[in-house]
Structures are given as C-alpha cells and as structure tokens.
Amino acid sequence: MTDDTPLSPGILVIDDNVDHLELVRRTLTARGYRVFLAADAESGLQLAIEQQPDLFVIDLGLPDVDGQTLIGHLKRMAAFADTPIIACTAWPEETARSMVEMYGCDGYISKPIRTADFANRIAAHLRR
C-alpha cells in the first residue's frame, strides 16, 4: 500500500540567528509546512540539494557568504531557477527593497517578524 498524499510545501530558511530560526520553524510548522533550517550558506546549499524546497527564506547578512552571492548561485542552479526566494532582513525598508530588487528576490520580509503576517506572506508566495 502506498501513500499518495502530496507532501506539504517545503521551506528552507537560511539565517545565522538561532532564535530567529526557531521562531520561523515554530511559525511555519504550525501551518503544516515542512521546514528545513540552515545557519550558513554552505549548509543551506547542501540542504537545498537534498530537500528540493518549494521556497527559500534567506537572511541577507550571513557570516560565510553574502546574500547576493548565495541568491545568485541558487538562481543559476536549474533545479531552483523558478523557486521563490524571500529575503528576511533587519535592514531599513528602503535598503531592503533596493537590495531585493538588485539580487532578484521575489520579495522580502522585515525583521523582527510578526508571526501571523509572516506565515500569510509565505503562503502568498507559495501560491504564485
């Protein structure tokens, strides 16, 4: 007997702040999403290859690789060319908006996140 139930959407969150990772994990798993967490770009890329997420949430200020480099690398990978990438940053809104546009992200969410709004915005990006 096989289970043909489709998997819930998978979201890979790459952020070096462990408290933020935990808050995002709790917020998204409560909505039924599969959540994969990485604290740096290198482990995030590895998880991306292993898990093939439906959406990325990426902190633009990672310790090992800057956001632009990581996002550019993901966009060049055929498997993720159409996967939405949402920047999650504490940068001022005007700076975040211009960086997201420059980096080719599909949107951004400001930190600190508001959990209900965060989950709704993630859901909206997954529907696109």
N, C-alpha and C. Protein backbone atom coordinates (compact mmCIF):
# COMPACT_ATOMS: atom_id res chain seq x y z
N MET A 1 0.84 -1.17 0.00
CA MET A 1 0.00 0.00 0.00
C MET A 1 0.89 1.24 0.00
N THR A 2 0.63 2.17 -0.90
CA THR A 2 1.42 3.39 -0.98
C THR A 2 0.59 4.57 -0.51
N ASP A 3 1.28 5.53 0.01
CA ASP A 3 0.62 6.75 0.45
C ASP A 3 0.80 7.79 -0.65
N ASP A 4 -0.29 8.15 -1.33
CA ASP A 4 -0.22 9.12 -2.42
C ASP A 4 -0.52 10.54 -1.96
N THR A 5 -0.54 10.76 -0.65
CA THR A 5 -0.78 12.09 -0.13
C THR A 5 0.38 12.99 -0.50
N PRO A 6 0.10 14.13 -1.14
CA PRO A 6 1.20 15.01 -1.52
C PRO A 6 1.87 15.60 -0.27
N LEU A 7 3.16 15.81 -0.37
CA LEU A 7 3.89 16.43 0.73
C LEU A 7 3.48 17.90 0.85
N SER A 8 3.47 18.38 2.06
CA SER A 8 3.23 19.81 2.25
C SER A 8 4.44 20.56 1.71
N PRO A 9 4.24 21.83 1.35
CA PRO A 9 5.37 22.59 0.81
C PRO A 9 6.55 22.62 1.77
N GLY A 10 7.74 22.54 1.21
CA GLY A 10 8.97 22.61 1.99
C GLY A 10 9.60 23.99 1.88
N ILE A 11 10.01 24.52 3.01
CA ILE A 11 10.61 25.85 3.06
C ILE A 11 11.98 25.74 3.71
N LEU A 12 12.99 26.24 3.01
CA LEU A 12 14.34 26.25 3.54
C LEU A 12 14.64 27.66 4.05
N VAL A 13 14.96 27.74 5.33
CA VAL A 13 15.28 29.02 5.97
C VAL A 13 16.77 29.03 6.27
N ILE A 14 17.47 30.04 5.74
CA ILE A 14 18.90 30.17 5.96
C ILE A 14 19.14 31.48 6.71
N ASP A 15 19.56 31.36 7.96
CA ASP A 15 19.73 32.52 8.83
C ASP A 15 20.70 32.15 9.94
N ASP A 16 21.62 33.04 10.28
CA ASP A 16 22.60 32.72 11.32
C ASP A 16 22.11 33.02 12.73
N ASN A 17 20.93 33.57 12.89
CA ASN A 17 20.37 33.86 14.21
C ASN A 17 19.52 32.67 14.65
N VAL A 18 19.99 31.91 15.64
CA VAL A 18 19.29 30.69 16.05
C VAL A 18 17.92 30.98 16.65
N ASP A 19 17.77 32.11 17.34
CA ASP A 19 16.45 32.45 17.88
C ASP A 19 15.46 32.72 16.76
N HIS A 20 15.92 33.40 15.73
CA HIS A 20 15.05 33.67 14.58
C HIS A 20 14.69 32.37 13.86
N LEU A 21 15.67 31.49 13.70
CA LEU A 21 15.39 30.19 13.07
C LEU A 21 14.31 29.44 13.83
N GLU A 22 14.41 29.43 15.14
CA GLU A 22 13.44 28.70 15.96
C GLU A 22 12.05 29.33 15.84
N LEU A 23 11.96 30.65 15.88
CA LEU A 23 10.67 31.32 15.75
C LEU A 23 10.03 31.01 14.39
N VAL A 24 10.83 31.08 13.34
CA VAL A 24 10.32 30.78 11.99
C VAL A 24 9.89 29.32 11.90
N ARG A 25 10.71 28.43 12.45
CA ARG A 25 10.36 27.00 12.42
C ARG A 25 9.02 26.76 13.10
N ARG A 26 8.84 27.29 14.29
CA ARG A 26 7.57 27.09 15.02
C ARG A 26 6.39 27.70 14.26
N THR A 27 6.60 28.89 13.72
CA THR A 27 5.53 29.58 12.99
C THR A 27 5.09 28.79 11.77
N LEU A 28 6.04 28.29 11.00
CA LEU A 28 5.70 27.61 9.75
C LEU A 28 5.25 26.17 9.96
N THR A 29 5.84 25.46 10.91
CA THR A 29 5.38 24.08 11.15
C THR A 29 3.95 24.09 11.72
N ALA A 30 3.59 25.14 12.46
CA ALA A 30 2.22 25.25 12.96
C ALA A 30 1.22 25.38 11.82
N ARG A 31 1.68 25.87 10.67
CA ARG A 31 0.83 25.98 9.48
C ARG A 31 0.91 24.75 8.59
N GLY A 32 1.68 23.75 9.02
CA GLY A 32 1.75 22.50 8.28
C GLY A 32 2.85 22.40 7.25
N TYR A 33 3.74 23.38 7.20
CA TYR A 33 4.84 23.32 6.25
C TYR A 33 5.96 22.42 6.76
N ARG A 34 6.70 21.84 5.83
CA ARG A 34 7.95 21.17 6.16
C ARG A 34 9.01 22.26 6.18
N VAL A 35 9.78 22.34 7.24
CA VAL A 35 10.75 23.42 7.40
C VAL A 35 12.14 22.83 7.56
N PHE A 36 13.08 23.37 6.78
CA PHE A 36 14.47 22.96 6.84
C PHE A 36 15.28 24.19 7.26
N LEU A 37 16.19 24.02 8.20
CA LEU A 37 16.93 25.15 8.75
C LEU A 37 18.42 25.02 8.50
N ALA A 38 19.04 26.15 8.16
CA ALA A 38 20.48 26.20 8.00
C ALA A 38 20.99 27.51 8.57
N ALA A 39 22.14 27.46 9.24
CA ALA A 39 22.70 28.64 9.89
C ALA A 39 23.75 29.35 9.04
N ASP A 40 24.04 28.80 7.86
CA ASP A 40 25.00 29.45 6.97
C ASP A 40 24.73 29.02 5.53
N ALA A 41 25.36 29.71 4.60
CA ALA A 41 25.12 29.46 3.18
C ALA A 41 25.55 28.07 2.75
N GLU A 42 26.70 27.63 3.23
CA GLU A 42 27.21 26.32 2.81
C GLU A 42 26.25 25.19 3.19
N SER A 43 25.81 25.15 4.45
CA SER A 43 24.87 24.10 4.85
C SER A 43 23.51 24.32 4.20
N GLY A 44 23.16 25.57 3.92
CA GLY A 44 21.91 25.85 3.22
C GLY A 44 21.90 25.30 1.81
N LEU A 45 23.01 25.46 1.09
CA LEU A 45 23.11 24.90 -0.26
C LEU A 45 23.01 23.37 -0.23
N GLN A 46 23.66 22.77 0.73
CA GLN A 46 23.60 21.31 0.86
C GLN A 46 22.16 20.85 1.12
N LEU A 47 21.48 21.52 2.05
CA LEU A 47 20.08 21.17 2.34
C LEU A 47 19.19 21.40 1.13
N ALA A 48 19.44 22.46 0.38
CA ALA A 48 18.65 22.74 -0.81
C ALA A 48 18.74 21.58 -1.80
N ILE A 49 19.94 21.09 -2.02
CA ILE A 49 20.14 19.98 -2.94
C ILE A 49 19.45 18.72 -2.43
N GLU A 50 19.57 18.47 -1.14
CA GLU A 50 18.97 17.27 -0.54
C GLU A 50 17.45 17.33 -0.49
N GLN A 51 16.89 18.47 -0.13
CA GLN A 51 15.45 18.56 0.16
C GLN A 51 14.60 19.17 -0.96
N GLN A 52 15.20 19.87 -1.90
CA GLN A 52 14.48 20.49 -3.01
C GLN A 52 13.28 21.30 -2.50
N PRO A 53 13.52 22.36 -1.74
CA PRO A 53 12.42 23.13 -1.15
C PRO A 53 11.58 23.84 -2.20
N ASP A 54 10.38 24.21 -1.79
CA ASP A 54 9.46 24.94 -2.65
C ASP A 54 9.64 26.45 -2.53
N LEU A 55 10.36 26.88 -1.50
CA LEU A 55 10.58 28.30 -1.25
C LEU A 55 11.79 28.47 -0.35
N PHE A 56 12.54 29.55 -0.57
CA PHE A 56 13.68 29.89 0.28
C PHE A 56 13.36 31.16 1.06
N VAL A 57 13.76 31.19 2.32
CA VAL A 57 13.75 32.41 3.13
C VAL A 57 15.20 32.61 3.55
N ILE A 58 15.82 33.70 3.09
CA ILE A 58 17.25 33.88 3.28
C ILE A 58 17.56 35.22 3.95
N ASP A 59 18.34 35.14 5.01
CA ASP A 59 18.89 36.34 5.65
C ASP A 59 19.98 36.87 4.72
N LEU A 60 19.96 38.16 4.45
CA LEU A 60 20.95 38.72 3.52
C LEU A 60 22.32 38.93 4.16
N GLY A 61 22.39 38.88 5.49
CA GLY A 61 23.66 39.09 6.18
C GLY A 61 24.19 37.83 6.82
N LEU A 62 24.55 36.86 6.02
CA LEU A 62 25.08 35.59 6.53
C LEU A 62 26.57 35.71 6.82
N PRO A 63 27.09 34.90 7.73
CA PRO A 63 28.50 35.04 8.13
C PRO A 63 29.51 34.52 7.10
N ASP A 64 29.13 33.55 6.29
CA ASP A 64 30.12 32.93 5.40
C ASP A 64 30.06 33.41 3.96
N VAL A 65 28.88 33.72 3.46
CA VAL A 65 28.70 34.17 2.08
C VAL A 65 27.63 35.25 2.11
N ASP A 66 27.84 36.34 1.38
CA ASP A 66 26.82 37.38 1.39
C ASP A 66 25.57 36.93 0.64
N GLY A 67 24.46 37.57 0.94
CA GLY A 67 23.17 37.20 0.36
C GLY A 67 23.16 37.23 -1.15
N GLN A 68 23.80 38.24 -1.74
CA GLN A 68 23.81 38.36 -3.20
C GLN A 68 24.47 37.15 -3.84
N THR A 69 25.58 36.71 -3.29
CA THR A 69 26.30 35.56 -3.83
C THR A 69 25.46 34.29 -3.72
N LEU A 70 24.88 34.07 -2.54
CA LEU A 70 24.07 32.87 -2.33
C LEU A 70 22.86 32.87 -3.25
N ILE A 71 22.15 33.97 -3.32
CA ILE A 71 20.95 34.05 -4.16
C ILE A 71 21.32 33.87 -5.63
N GLY A 72 22.39 34.49 -6.06
CA GLY A 72 22.84 34.32 -7.44
C GLY A 72 23.17 32.87 -7.76
N HIS A 73 23.83 32.20 -6.82
CA HIS A 73 24.16 30.80 -7.02
C HIS A 73 22.89 29.95 -7.15
N LEU A 74 21.93 30.17 -6.27
CA LEU A 74 20.67 29.41 -6.33
C LEU A 74 19.94 29.66 -7.64
N LYS A 75 19.90 30.91 -8.07
CA LYS A 75 19.19 31.27 -9.32
C LYS A 75 19.84 30.62 -10.54
N ARG A 76 21.15 30.38 -10.47
CA ARG A 76 21.85 29.74 -11.61
C ARG A 76 21.68 28.23 -11.62
N MET A 77 21.21 27.66 -10.54
CA MET A 77 21.01 26.21 -10.48
C MET A 77 19.66 25.89 -11.13
N ALA A 78 19.66 25.05 -12.14
CA ALA A 78 18.43 24.74 -12.88
C ALA A 78 17.30 24.29 -11.97
N ALA A 79 17.63 23.52 -10.95
CA ALA A 79 16.60 22.99 -10.05
C ALA A 79 15.86 24.09 -9.30
N PHE A 80 16.49 25.25 -9.14
CA PHE A 80 15.89 26.32 -8.33
C PHE A 80 15.61 27.60 -9.12
N ALA A 81 15.74 27.55 -10.42
CA ALA A 81 15.56 28.74 -11.24
C ALA A 81 14.20 29.41 -11.02
N ASP A 82 13.18 28.61 -10.74
CA ASP A 82 11.84 29.16 -10.56
C ASP A 82 11.36 29.09 -9.11
N THR A 83 12.24 28.72 -8.19
CA THR A 83 11.86 28.62 -6.78
C THR A 83 11.88 30.02 -6.16
N PRO A 84 10.78 30.45 -5.54
CA PRO A 84 10.75 31.78 -4.94
C PRO A 84 11.80 31.92 -3.84
N ILE A 85 12.42 33.10 -3.81
CA ILE A 85 13.39 33.44 -2.77
C ILE A 85 12.91 34.71 -2.08
N ILE A 86 12.71 34.61 -0.78
CA ILE A 86 12.27 35.73 0.03
C ILE A 86 13.43 36.13 0.94
N ALA A 87 13.82 37.39 0.88
CA ALA A 87 14.84 37.89 1.79
C ALA A 87 14.18 38.23 3.12
N CYS A 88 14.85 37.91 4.18
CA CYS A 88 14.36 38.26 5.52
C CYS A 88 15.49 39.03 6.18
N THR A 89 15.26 40.31 6.42
CA THR A 89 16.36 41.16 6.84
C THR A 89 15.94 42.23 7.82
N ALA A 90 16.89 42.66 8.62
CA ALA A 90 16.66 43.76 9.57
C ALA A 90 17.11 45.09 8.97
N TRP A 91 17.56 45.08 7.73
CA TRP A 91 17.97 46.32 7.07
C TRP A 91 16.78 47.27 6.97
N PRO A 92 17.03 48.57 6.91
CA PRO A 92 15.92 49.52 6.72
C PRO A 92 15.14 49.19 5.45
N GLU A 93 13.85 49.49 5.47
CA GLU A 93 12.97 49.08 4.38
C GLU A 93 13.45 49.54 3.01
N GLU A 94 13.87 50.77 2.89
CA GLU A 94 14.32 51.27 1.59
C GLU A 94 15.55 50.50 1.09
N THR A 95 16.48 50.23 1.98
CA THR A 95 17.68 49.46 1.63
C THR A 95 17.28 48.04 1.24
N ALA A 96 16.43 47.43 2.04
CA ALA A 96 15.98 46.06 1.76
C ALA A 96 15.30 45.99 0.40
N ARG A 97 14.43 46.93 0.12
CA ARG A 97 13.70 46.92 -1.15
C ARG A 97 14.67 47.00 -2.33
N SER A 98 15.65 47.88 -2.26
CA SER A 98 16.59 48.01 -3.39
C SER A 98 17.49 46.78 -3.50
N MET A 99 17.93 46.22 -2.37
CA MET A 99 18.78 45.03 -2.41
C MET A 99 18.01 43.84 -2.98
N VAL A 100 16.79 43.68 -2.58
CA VAL A 100 15.97 42.57 -3.07
C VAL A 100 15.78 42.67 -4.58
N GLU A 101 15.55 43.87 -5.05
CA GLU A 101 15.40 44.07 -6.49
C GLU A 101 16.70 43.76 -7.22
N MET A 102 17.81 44.25 -6.68
CA MET A 102 19.12 44.01 -7.27
C MET A 102 19.48 42.53 -7.28
N TYR A 103 19.16 41.82 -6.20
CA TYR A 103 19.53 40.42 -6.05
C TYR A 103 18.60 39.48 -6.82
N GLY A 104 17.43 39.97 -7.23
CA GLY A 104 16.49 39.12 -7.95
C GLY A 104 15.59 38.29 -7.06
N CYS A 105 15.39 38.76 -5.83
CA CYS A 105 14.48 38.05 -4.91
C CYS A 105 13.03 38.30 -5.33
N ASP A 106 12.15 37.46 -4.83
CA ASP A 106 10.73 37.58 -5.13
C ASP A 106 10.00 38.45 -4.10
N GLY A 107 10.69 38.84 -3.06
CA GLY A 107 10.10 39.69 -2.03
C GLY A 107 10.99 39.72 -0.82
N TYR A 108 10.56 40.45 0.20
CA TYR A 108 11.31 40.49 1.44
C TYR A 108 10.35 40.64 2.61
N ILE A 109 10.83 40.22 3.75
CA ILE A 109 10.08 40.35 5.00
C ILE A 109 11.04 40.97 6.00
N SER A 110 10.59 42.01 6.67
CA SER A 110 11.43 42.70 7.64
C SER A 110 11.48 41.95 8.96
N LYS A 111 12.65 42.04 9.60
CA LYS A 111 12.82 41.52 10.95
C LYS A 111 12.68 42.68 11.91
N PRO A 112 12.17 42.47 13.09
CA PRO A 112 11.67 41.19 13.58
C PRO A 112 10.33 40.86 12.92
N ILE A 113 10.12 39.58 12.69
CA ILE A 113 8.89 39.16 12.01
C ILE A 113 7.70 39.24 12.97
N ARG A 114 6.54 39.46 12.37
CA ARG A 114 5.26 39.33 13.08
C ARG A 114 4.70 38.00 12.59
N THR A 115 4.55 37.04 13.48
CA THR A 115 4.33 35.64 13.08
C THR A 115 3.12 35.44 12.18
N ALA A 116 1.96 36.04 12.50
CA ALA A 116 0.78 35.82 11.65
C ALA A 116 1.00 36.40 10.26
N ASP A 117 1.53 37.62 10.19
CA ASP A 117 1.80 38.25 8.91
C ASP A 117 2.85 37.46 8.13
N PHE A 118 3.88 36.99 8.82
CA PHE A 118 4.94 36.21 8.19
C PHE A 118 4.38 34.97 7.50
N ALA A 119 3.59 34.20 8.24
CA ALA A 119 3.02 32.97 7.67
C ALA A 119 2.10 33.28 6.49
N ASN A 120 1.34 34.35 6.57
CA ASN A 120 0.44 34.72 5.46
C ASN A 120 1.23 35.14 4.23
N ARG A 121 2.32 35.85 4.42
CA ARG A 121 3.13 36.28 3.28
C ARG A 121 3.85 35.09 2.63
N ILE A 122 4.28 34.15 3.44
CA ILE A 122 4.89 32.92 2.90
C ILE A 122 3.86 32.17 2.07
N ALA A 123 2.65 32.03 2.59
CA ALA A 123 1.58 31.33 1.87
C ALA A 123 1.29 32.01 0.54
N ALA A 124 1.28 33.34 0.53
CA ALA A 124 1.01 34.07 -0.71
C ALA A 124 2.10 33.81 -1.74
N HIS A 125 3.35 33.76 -1.33
CA HIS A 125 4.44 33.49 -2.27
C HIS A 125 4.38 32.06 -2.79
N LEU A 126 3.94 31.13 -1.98
CA LEU A 126 3.82 29.74 -2.43
C LEU A 126 2.69 29.57 -3.45
N ARG A 127 1.67 30.40 -3.35
CA ARG A 127 0.54 30.31 -4.29
C ARG A 127 0.89 30.83 -5.67
N ARG A 128 1.91 31.68 -5.79
CA ARG A 128 2.26 32.29 -7.08
C ARG A 128 2.83 31.30 -8.05
